[in-house]
Amino acid sequence: MKALQIIRDSFVPLNMENVDTDQIIPARFLKGTTRDGFGKNLFRDWRYENDNEQKPKADFILNKPQYKGSILVAGKNFGCGSSREHAAWALHDYGFNAVVSSFFADIFKNNALNNAVLPVVVSDSFLQKIFAQNKDVTLIISLLDQTITIDATQETELFEINSYKKECLLNGYDDIDYLISVKTDIVLYEKELLK
């Protein structure tokens, strides 16, 4: 995985609450067994008319050329519904490095962390401040400091993250990479146990 430390980019505002994993990636697209190719079907039913890639819905946020960036800002309760890991795969494959919301479903949050998509939980009031910004404003997410800042106003809020997952994201580790990184410590511990 690619290491995540600071994300400074424009954001895509999806000001909708209770977005479930079937809306993020519809069940009919879950046939793949690798993580590649899911981005083209992200929010598929909201992005295209009658499931036709040739007819994008002009009013959907991902189809508006003025909204680009690697940060998705979503309404409260993002990622609810079924536990499909493919939702995190689709977000990552589309190009999102972080999702900001005031609440995430726990399973989605863990799937995102395991797939190099940083879920940033902010207060409802801070979320509304982000939504109030214009399309050219950037956000600065510092994983090291656990802060998110609205670049235009310099308003900042702290966010929480599991310390183990933070270390993995900072170093670009998945769970196996992390175990390899502490292999020497594991070997020494085993030797001590066998004495």
C-alpha atoms as a PDB file:
ATOM      1  CA  MET A   1       0.000   0.000   0.000  1.00  0.00           C
ATOM      2  CA  LYS A   2       1.023   3.600  -0.490  1.00  0.00           C
ATOM      3  CA  ALA A   3       1.955   5.463   2.697  1.00  0.00           C
ATOM      4  CA  LEU A   4      -0.490   8.175   3.778  1.00  0.00           C
ATOM      5  CA  GLN A   5       0.835  11.069   5.830  1.00  0.00           C
ATOM      6  CA  ILE A   6      -0.634  14.344   4.605  1.00  0.00           C
ATOM      7  CA  ILE A   7      -3.446  14.710   2.086  1.00  0.00           C
ATOM      8  CA  ARG A   8      -3.864  18.223   0.739  1.00  0.00           C
ATOM      9  CA  ASP A   9      -6.429  18.354  -2.021  1.00  0.00           C
ATOM     10  CA  SER A  10      -9.775  19.646  -3.141  1.00  0.00           C
ATOM     11  CA  PHE A  11     -12.803  17.641  -2.101  1.00  0.00           C
ATOM     12  CA  VAL A  12     -15.940  16.164  -3.621  1.00  0.00           C
ATOM     13  CA  PRO A  13     -19.035  17.052  -1.538  1.00  0.00           C
ATOM     14  CA  LEU A  14     -21.629  14.279  -1.305  1.00  0.00           C
ATOM     15  CA  ASN A  15     -24.071  15.989   1.039  1.00  0.00           C
ATOM     16  CA  MET A  16     -26.275  12.953   1.630  1.00  0.00           C
ATOM     17  CA  GLU A  17     -26.905  11.018   4.829  1.00  0.00           C
ATOM     18  CA  ASN A  18     -27.241   7.257   5.306  1.00  0.00           C
ATOM     19  CA  VAL A  19     -25.317   6.262   2.174  1.00  0.00           C
ATOM     20  CA  ASP A  20     -25.149   2.483   2.324  1.00  0.00           C
ATOM     21  CA  THR A  21     -22.641   0.109   0.777  1.00  0.00           C
ATOM     22  CA  ASP A  22     -25.104  -0.996  -1.916  1.00  0.00           C
ATOM     23  CA  GLN A  23     -25.287   2.602  -3.097  1.00  0.00           C
ATOM     24  CA  ILE A  24     -21.487   2.889  -2.969  1.00  0.00           C
ATOM     25  CA  ILE A  25     -21.038  -0.304  -5.045  1.00  0.00           C
ATOM     26  CA  PRO A  26     -24.187  -2.173  -6.127  1.00  0.00           C
ATOM     27  CA  ALA A  27     -24.272  -5.906  -5.390  1.00  0.00           C
ATOM     28  CA  ARG A  28     -24.379  -6.879  -9.079  1.00  0.00           C
ATOM     29  CA  PHE A  29     -20.765  -5.654  -9.428  1.00  0.00           C
ATOM     30  CA  LEU A  30     -19.298  -7.789  -6.642  1.00  0.00           C
ATOM     31  CA  LYS A  31     -18.117 -10.621  -8.873  1.00  0.00           C
ATOM     32  CA  GLY A  32     -14.452  -9.573  -8.958  1.00  0.00           C
ATOM     33  CA  THR A  33     -11.944 -11.123  -6.607  1.00  0.00           C
ATOM     34  CA  THR A  34      -9.188  -8.549  -6.985  1.00  0.00           C
ATOM     35  CA  ARG A  35      -9.375  -4.921  -5.886  1.00  0.00           C
ATOM     36  CA  ASP A  36      -8.980  -3.468  -9.372  1.00  0.00           C
ATOM     37  CA  GLY A  37     -11.708  -2.087 -11.600  1.00  0.00           C
ATOM     38  CA  PHE A  38     -14.326  -1.275  -8.980  1.00  0.00           C
ATOM     39  CA  GLY A  39     -13.907   2.510  -9.293  1.00  0.00           C
ATOM     40  CA  LYS A  40     -15.801   2.622 -12.577  1.00  0.00           C
ATOM     41  CA  ASN A  41     -18.881   1.313 -10.751  1.00  0.00           C
ATOM     42  CA  LEU A  42     -18.626   3.588  -7.704  1.00  0.00           C
ATOM     43  CA  PHE A  43     -22.119   5.049  -7.067  1.00  0.00           C
ATOM     44  CA  ARG A  44     -23.106   3.360 -10.333  1.00  0.00           C
ATOM     45  CA  ASP A  45     -26.871   3.808 -10.022  1.00  0.00           C
ATOM     46  CA  TRP A  46     -26.500   7.477  -9.121  1.00  0.00           C
ATOM     47  CA  ARG A  47     -23.939   8.194 -11.845  1.00  0.00           C
ATOM     48  CA  TYR A  48     -25.623   6.747 -14.960  1.00  0.00           C
ATOM     49  CA  GLU A  49     -29.056   6.690 -16.587  1.00  0.00           C
ATOM     50  CA  ASN A  50     -30.533   3.186 -16.799  1.00  0.00           C
ATOM     51  CA  ASP A  51     -27.161   1.609 -15.938  1.00  0.00           C
ATOM     52  CA  ASN A  52     -25.721   2.970 -19.205  1.00  0.00           C
ATOM     53  CA  GLU A  53     -22.139   4.276 -18.928  1.00  0.00           C
ATOM     54  CA  GLN A  54     -22.738   6.304 -22.086  1.00  0.00           C
ATOM     55  CA  LYS A  55     -25.407   8.391 -20.313  1.00  0.00           C
ATOM     56  CA  PRO A  56     -23.991  10.010 -17.164  1.00  0.00           C
ATOM     57  CA  LYS A  57     -26.475  11.875 -14.966  1.00  0.00           C
ATOM     58  CA  ALA A  58     -25.403  15.515 -15.251  1.00  0.00           C
ATOM     59  CA  ASP A  59     -26.639  16.431 -11.773  1.00  0.00           C
ATOM     60  CA  PHE A  60     -24.615  13.786  -9.885  1.00  0.00           C
ATOM     61  CA  ILE A  61     -21.556  15.230  -8.140  1.00  0.00           C
ATOM     62  CA  LEU A  62     -18.982  12.815  -9.641  1.00  0.00           C
ATOM     63  CA  ASN A  63     -20.151  13.801 -13.130  1.00  0.00           C
ATOM     64  CA  LYS A  64     -19.568  17.518 -12.550  1.00  0.00           C
ATOM     65  CA  PRO A  65     -16.105  18.406 -13.885  1.00  0.00           C
ATOM     66  CA  GLN A  66     -15.624  21.220 -11.368  1.00  0.00           C
ATOM     67  CA  TYR A  67     -15.515  18.709  -8.510  1.00  0.00           C
ATOM     68  CA  LYS A  68     -12.273  16.782  -8.408  1.00  0.00           C
ATOM     69  CA  GLY A  69      -9.989  15.641  -5.649  1.00  0.00           C
ATOM     70  CA  SER A  70      -8.914  12.677  -3.578  1.00  0.00           C
ATOM     71  CA  ILE A  71     -11.134  13.529  -0.578  1.00  0.00           C
ATOM     72  CA  LEU A  72     -14.815  12.596  -0.462  1.00  0.00           C
ATOM     73  CA  VAL A  73     -16.877  14.559   2.078  1.00  0.00           C
ATOM     74  CA  ALA A  74     -20.113  12.735   2.874  1.00  0.00           C
ATOM     75  CA  GLY A  75     -23.108  13.222   5.122  1.00  0.00           C
ATOM     76  CA  LYS A  76     -23.677  11.414   8.415  1.00  0.00           C
ATOM     77  CA  ASN A  77     -23.771   7.583   8.569  1.00  0.00           C
ATOM     78  CA  PHE A  78     -21.665   6.832   5.508  1.00  0.00           C
ATOM     79  CA  GLY A  79     -21.048   3.153   4.702  1.00  0.00           C
ATOM     80  CA  CYS A  80     -24.008   1.666   6.540  1.00  0.00           C
ATOM     81  CA  GLY A  81     -25.659  -1.533   5.346  1.00  0.00           C
ATOM     82  CA  SER A  82     -23.912  -4.746   4.376  1.00  0.00           C
ATOM     83  CA  SER A  83     -20.289  -5.407   5.258  1.00  0.00           C
ATOM     84  CA  ARG A  84     -18.912  -5.567   1.716  1.00  0.00           C
ATOM     85  CA  GLU A  85     -15.231  -4.709   1.503  1.00  0.00           C
ATOM     86  CA  HIS A  86     -15.803  -3.865  -2.152  1.00  0.00           C
ATOM     87  CA  ALA A  87     -17.139  -0.451  -1.068  1.00  0.00           C
ATOM     88  CA  ALA A  88     -13.676   0.514   0.179  1.00  0.00           C
ATOM     89  CA  TRP A  89     -12.109  -1.051  -2.941  1.00  0.00           C
ATOM     90  CA  ALA A  90     -14.360   1.078  -5.181  1.00  0.00           C
ATOM     91  CA  LEU A  91     -13.535   4.314  -3.356  1.00  0.00           C
ATOM     92  CA  HIS A  92      -9.798   3.591  -3.483  1.00  0.00           C
ATOM     93  CA  ASP A  93      -9.858   2.472  -7.108  1.00  0.00           C
ATOM     94  CA  TYR A  94     -11.751   5.640  -8.086  1.00  0.00           C
ATOM     95  CA  GLY A  95      -8.962   7.711  -6.510  1.00  0.00           C
ATOM     96  CA  PHE A  96     -10.204   8.682  -3.067  1.00  0.00           C
ATOM     97  CA  ASN A  97      -7.568   8.608  -0.299  1.00  0.00           C
ATOM     98  CA  ALA A  98      -9.906   9.817   2.448  1.00  0.00           C
ATOM     99  CA  VAL A  99     -13.600  10.044   3.289  1.00  0.00           C
ATOM    100  CA  VAL A 100     -14.796  12.669   5.765  1.00  0.00           C
ATOM    101  CA  SER A 101     -18.102  12.291   7.614  1.00  0.00           C
ATOM    102  CA  SER A 102     -19.579  12.848  11.059  1.00  0.00           C
ATOM    103  CA  PHE A 103     -20.281   9.111  11.442  1.00  0.00           C
ATOM    104  CA  PHE A 104     -19.202   5.883   9.734  1.00  0.00           C
ATOM    105  CA  ALA A 105     -20.579   2.387  10.109  1.00  0.00           C
ATOM    106  CA  ASP A 106     -17.955   0.394  12.049  1.00  0.00           C
ATOM    107  CA  ILE A 107     -17.473  -2.358   9.468  1.00  0.00           C
ATOM    108  CA  PHE A 108     -17.081   0.160   6.653  1.00  0.00           C
ATOM    109  CA  LYS A 109     -14.608   2.165   8.744  1.00  0.00           C
ATOM    110  CA  ASN A 110     -12.439  -0.911   9.352  1.00  0.00           C
ATOM    111  CA  ASN A 111     -12.645  -1.984   5.693  1.00  0.00           C
ATOM    112  CA  ALA A 112     -11.560   1.512   4.636  1.00  0.00           C
ATOM    113  CA  LEU A 113      -8.583   1.473   7.011  1.00  0.00           C
ATOM    114  CA  ASN A 114      -7.557  -1.943   5.687  1.00  0.00           C
ATOM    115  CA  ASN A 115      -7.638  -0.647   2.117  1.00  0.00           C
ATOM    116  CA  ALA A 116      -5.720   2.658   2.394  1.00  0.00           C
ATOM    117  CA  VAL A 117      -8.786   4.887   2.555  1.00  0.00           C
ATOM    118  CA  LEU A 118      -8.616   7.117   5.639  1.00  0.00           C
ATOM    119  CA  PRO A 119     -12.028   7.594   7.319  1.00  0.00           C
ATOM    120  CA  VAL A 120     -11.983  10.968   9.110  1.00  0.00           C
ATOM    121  CA  VAL A 121     -14.736  11.485  11.682  1.00  0.00           C
ATOM    122  CA  VAL A 122     -15.538  15.148  12.357  1.00  0.00           C
ATOM    123  CA  SER A 123     -18.236  16.884  14.366  1.00  0.00           C
ATOM    124  CA  ASP A 124     -21.545  17.699  12.671  1.00  0.00           C
ATOM    125  CA  SER A 125     -20.746  21.408  12.921  1.00  0.00           C
ATOM    126  CA  PHE A 126     -17.316  21.024  11.300  1.00  0.00           C
ATOM    127  CA  LEU A 127     -18.833  18.881   8.545  1.00  0.00           C
ATOM    128  CA  GLN A 128     -21.325  21.665   7.777  1.00  0.00           C
ATOM    129  CA  LYS A 129     -18.457  24.189   7.632  1.00  0.00           C
ATOM    130  CA  ILE A 130     -16.790  22.022   4.989  1.00  0.00           C
ATOM    131  CA  PHE A 131     -20.000  21.730   2.969  1.00  0.00           C
ATOM    132  CA  ALA A 132     -20.341  25.541   3.093  1.00  0.00           C
ATOM    133  CA  GLN A 133     -17.009  26.018   1.258  1.00  0.00           C
ATOM    134  CA  ASN A 134     -16.804  26.647  -2.475  1.00  0.00           C
ATOM    135  CA  LYS A 135     -15.474  24.090  -4.942  1.00  0.00           C
ATOM    136  CA  ASP A 136     -11.935  25.526  -5.051  1.00  0.00           C
ATOM    137  CA  VAL A 137     -11.198  25.123  -1.343  1.00  0.00           C
ATOM    138  CA  THR A 138      -8.718  22.480  -0.294  1.00  0.00           C
ATOM    139  CA  LEU A 139      -8.644  20.383   2.839  1.00  0.00           C
ATOM    140  CA  ILE A 140      -5.470  19.380   4.653  1.00  0.00           C
ATOM    141  CA  ILE A 141      -5.610  16.055   6.460  1.00  0.00           C
ATOM    142  CA  SER A 142      -2.560  15.295   8.586  1.00  0.00           C
ATOM    143  CA  LEU A 143      -2.569  11.694   9.712  1.00  0.00           C
ATOM    144  CA  LEU A 144       0.532  12.287  11.836  1.00  0.00           C
ATOM    145  CA  ASP A 145      -1.134  15.101  13.810  1.00  0.00           C
ATOM    146  CA  GLN A 146      -4.635  13.636  13.434  1.00  0.00           C
ATOM    147  CA  THR A 147      -6.018  16.960  12.226  1.00  0.00           C
ATOM    148  CA  ILE A 148      -8.209  18.140   9.383  1.00  0.00           C
ATOM    149  CA  THR A 149      -8.000  21.776   8.297  1.00  0.00           C
ATOM    150  CA  ILE A 150     -10.102  23.871   5.945  1.00  0.00           C
ATOM    151  CA  ASP A 151      -7.323  25.620   4.020  1.00  0.00           C
ATOM    152  CA  ALA A 152      -9.283  28.806   3.271  1.00  0.00           C
ATOM    153  CA  THR A 153     -10.287  29.518   6.879  1.00  0.00           C
ATOM    154  CA  GLN A 154      -7.568  27.597   8.751  1.00  0.00           C
ATOM    155  CA  GLU A 155     -10.271  26.066  10.971  1.00  0.00           C
ATOM    156  CA  THR A 156      -8.959  22.783  12.328  1.00  0.00           C
ATOM    157  CA  GLU A 157     -10.429  19.800  14.111  1.00  0.00           C
ATOM    158  CA  LEU A 158      -8.785  16.739  15.651  1.00  0.00           C
ATOM    159  CA  PHE A 159      -9.887  13.238  14.673  1.00  0.00           C
ATOM    160  CA  GLU A 160      -9.374   9.864  16.320  1.00  0.00           C
ATOM    161  CA  ILE A 161      -7.767   6.791  14.780  1.00  0.00           C
ATOM    162  CA  ASN A 162      -6.667   3.437  16.156  1.00  0.00           C
ATOM    163  CA  SER A 163      -2.913   3.678  16.849  1.00  0.00           C
ATOM    164  CA  TYR A 164      -2.151   0.382  15.095  1.00  0.00           C
ATOM    165  CA  LYS A 165      -4.030   1.403  11.942  1.00  0.00           C
ATOM    166  CA  LYS A 166      -2.368   4.826  12.075  1.00  0.00           C
ATOM    167  CA  GLU A 167       1.065   3.206  12.074  1.00  0.00           C
ATOM    168  CA  CYS A 168       0.087   0.937   9.199  1.00  0.00           C
ATOM    169  CA  LEU A 169      -1.202   3.840   7.070  1.00  0.00           C
ATOM    170  CA  LEU A 170       1.799   6.062   7.856  1.00  0.00           C
ATOM    171  CA  ASN A 171       4.131   3.312   6.667  1.00  0.00           C
ATOM    172  CA  GLY A 172       2.041   1.884   3.834  1.00  0.00           C
ATOM    173  CA  TYR A 173       1.647  -1.452   5.625  1.00  0.00           C
ATOM    174  CA  ASP A 174      -1.133  -3.973   5.429  1.00  0.00           C
ATOM    175  CA  ASP A 175      -1.392  -6.442   8.335  1.00  0.00           C
ATOM    176  CA  ILE A 176       1.203  -8.819   6.829  1.00  0.00           C
ATOM    177  CA  ASP A 177       3.650  -5.990   6.099  1.00  0.00           C
ATOM    178  CA  TYR A 178       3.341  -4.891   9.721  1.00  0.00           C
ATOM    179  CA  LEU A 179       4.159  -8.389  11.007  1.00  0.00           C
ATOM    180  CA  ILE A 180       7.191  -8.530   8.715  1.00  0.00           C
ATOM    181  CA  SER A 181       8.333  -5.146  10.048  1.00  0.00           C
ATOM    182  CA  VAL A 182       8.378  -6.498  13.627  1.00  0.00           C
ATOM    183  CA  LYS A 183       9.742  -9.945  12.754  1.00  0.00           C
ATOM    184  CA  THR A 184      12.959  -9.394  14.725  1.00  0.00           C
ATOM    185  CA  ASP A 185      10.962  -8.518  17.860  1.00  0.00           C
ATOM    186  CA  ILE A 186       8.780 -11.602  17.406  1.00  0.00           C
ATOM    187  CA  VAL A 187      11.825 -13.875  17.045  1.00  0.00           C
ATOM    188  CA  LEU A 188      13.444 -12.389  20.171  1.00  0.00           C
ATOM    189  CA  TYR A 189      10.219 -12.804  22.130  1.00  0.00           C
ATOM    190  CA  GLU A 190       9.943 -16.456  21.070  1.00  0.00           C
ATOM    191  CA  LYS A 191      13.550 -17.096  22.120  1.00  0.00           C
ATOM    192  CA  GLU A 192      12.819 -15.595  25.550  1.00  0.00           C
ATOM    193  CA  LEU A 193       9.799 -17.848  25.944  1.00  0.00           C
ATOM    194  CA  LEU A 194      11.836 -20.965  25.136  1.00  0.00           C
ATOM    195  CA  LYS A 195      14.506 -20.272  27.778  1.00  0.00           C
END
